[in-house]
Amino acid sequence: MLKNNIEVDVKVKCIESGMTQAQLAEKIKTTSPYVNRIIAGRCRKQDLCTDAGSPWI
């Protein structure tokens, strides 16, 4: 169930699907540290599209 909290939602979906953060990063073509920063809540929303590893730039 999605909670509209990106940190929690990503972590829960990874657990539910049995996917690691590294696998998720590979699947969305970004880096593992970037996925970890999102899940850990250490990335501000305005930074989501400015990370060098982000697939959206």
C-alpha atoms as a PDB file:
ATOM      1  CA  MET A   1       0.000   0.000   0.000  1.00  0.00           C
ATOM      2  CA  LEU A   2       1.449   3.350  -1.035  1.00  0.00           C
ATOM      3  CA  LYS A   3       1.701   6.064   1.606  1.00  0.00           C
ATOM      4  CA  ASN A   4       2.783   8.976  -0.640  1.00  0.00           C
ATOM      5  CA  ASN A   5       6.101   9.038   1.202  1.00  0.00           C
ATOM      6  CA  ILE A   6       8.797   8.291  -1.366  1.00  0.00           C
ATOM      7  CA  GLU A   7      11.312   7.031   1.195  1.00  0.00           C
ATOM      8  CA  VAL A   8       8.903   4.518   2.720  1.00  0.00           C
ATOM      9  CA  ASP A   9       7.178   3.579  -0.535  1.00  0.00           C
ATOM     10  CA  VAL A  10      10.432   2.707  -2.339  1.00  0.00           C
ATOM     11  CA  LYS A  11      11.725   0.652   0.583  1.00  0.00           C
ATOM     12  CA  VAL A  12       8.428  -1.229   1.008  1.00  0.00           C
ATOM     13  CA  LYS A  13       8.162  -2.007  -2.715  1.00  0.00           C
ATOM     14  CA  CYS A  14      11.749  -3.281  -2.757  1.00  0.00           C
ATOM     15  CA  ILE A  15      11.004  -5.582   0.170  1.00  0.00           C
ATOM     16  CA  GLU A  16       7.699  -6.778  -1.318  1.00  0.00           C
ATOM     17  CA  SER A  17       9.317  -7.601  -4.651  1.00  0.00           C
ATOM     18  CA  GLY A  18      12.483  -9.078  -3.157  1.00  0.00           C
ATOM     19  CA  MET A  19      14.577  -6.481  -5.001  1.00  0.00           C
ATOM     20  CA  THR A  20      17.735  -4.959  -3.561  1.00  0.00           C
ATOM     21  CA  GLN A  21      18.573  -1.284  -3.790  1.00  0.00           C
ATOM     22  CA  ALA A  22      21.374  -2.183  -6.211  1.00  0.00           C
ATOM     23  CA  GLN A  23      18.949  -4.082  -8.448  1.00  0.00           C
ATOM     24  CA  LEU A  24      16.519  -1.163  -8.386  1.00  0.00           C
ATOM     25  CA  ALA A  25      19.305   1.259  -9.283  1.00  0.00           C
ATOM     26  CA  GLU A  26      20.360  -0.915 -12.207  1.00  0.00           C
ATOM     27  CA  LYS A  27      16.767  -1.257 -13.405  1.00  0.00           C
ATOM     28  CA  ILE A  28      16.159   2.519 -13.432  1.00  0.00           C
ATOM     29  CA  LYS A  29      19.681   3.232 -14.719  1.00  0.00           C
ATOM     30  CA  THR A  30      21.022   5.179 -11.774  1.00  0.00           C
ATOM     31  CA  THR A  31      23.492   4.511  -8.963  1.00  0.00           C
ATOM     32  CA  SER A  32      23.034   2.520  -5.770  1.00  0.00           C
ATOM     33  CA  PRO A  33      24.144   5.453  -3.590  1.00  0.00           C
ATOM     34  CA  TYR A  34      21.481   7.652  -5.210  1.00  0.00           C
ATOM     35  CA  VAL A  35      18.734   5.108  -4.437  1.00  0.00           C
ATOM     36  CA  ASN A  36      20.072   4.832  -0.896  1.00  0.00           C
ATOM     37  CA  ARG A  37      19.927   8.622  -0.428  1.00  0.00           C
ATOM     38  CA  ILE A  38      16.290   8.627  -1.558  1.00  0.00           C
ATOM     39  CA  ILE A  39      15.342   5.783   0.791  1.00  0.00           C
ATOM     40  CA  ALA A  40      17.290   7.255   3.707  1.00  0.00           C
ATOM     41  CA  GLY A  41      15.637  10.649   3.193  1.00  0.00           C
ATOM     42  CA  ARG A  42      18.952  12.435   2.726  1.00  0.00           C
ATOM     43  CA  CYS A  43      17.988  13.857  -0.658  1.00  0.00           C
ATOM     44  CA  ARG A  44      15.896  17.009  -0.851  1.00  0.00           C
ATOM     45  CA  LYS A  45      13.030  17.049  -3.346  1.00  0.00           C
ATOM     46  CA  GLN A  46      14.606  19.851  -5.363  1.00  0.00           C
ATOM     47  CA  ASP A  47      17.736  17.676  -5.750  1.00  0.00           C
ATOM     48  CA  LEU A  48      15.914  14.686  -7.228  1.00  0.00           C
ATOM     49  CA  CYS A  49      16.493  15.836 -10.794  1.00  0.00           C
ATOM     50  CA  THR A  50      19.984  17.286 -10.340  1.00  0.00           C
ATOM     51  CA  ASP A  51      21.962  14.237  -9.228  1.00  0.00           C
ATOM     52  CA  ALA A  52      24.555  13.074 -11.762  1.00  0.00           C
ATOM     53  CA  GLY A  53      23.258   9.527 -11.346  1.00  0.00           C
ATOM     54  CA  SER A  54      19.639  10.488 -11.870  1.00  0.00           C
ATOM     55  CA  PRO A  55      17.988   9.045 -14.969  1.00  0.00           C
ATOM     56  CA  TRP A  56      15.860  12.193 -15.318  1.00  0.00           C
ATOM     57  CA  ILE A  57      18.557  14.659 -16.357  1.00  0.00           C
END
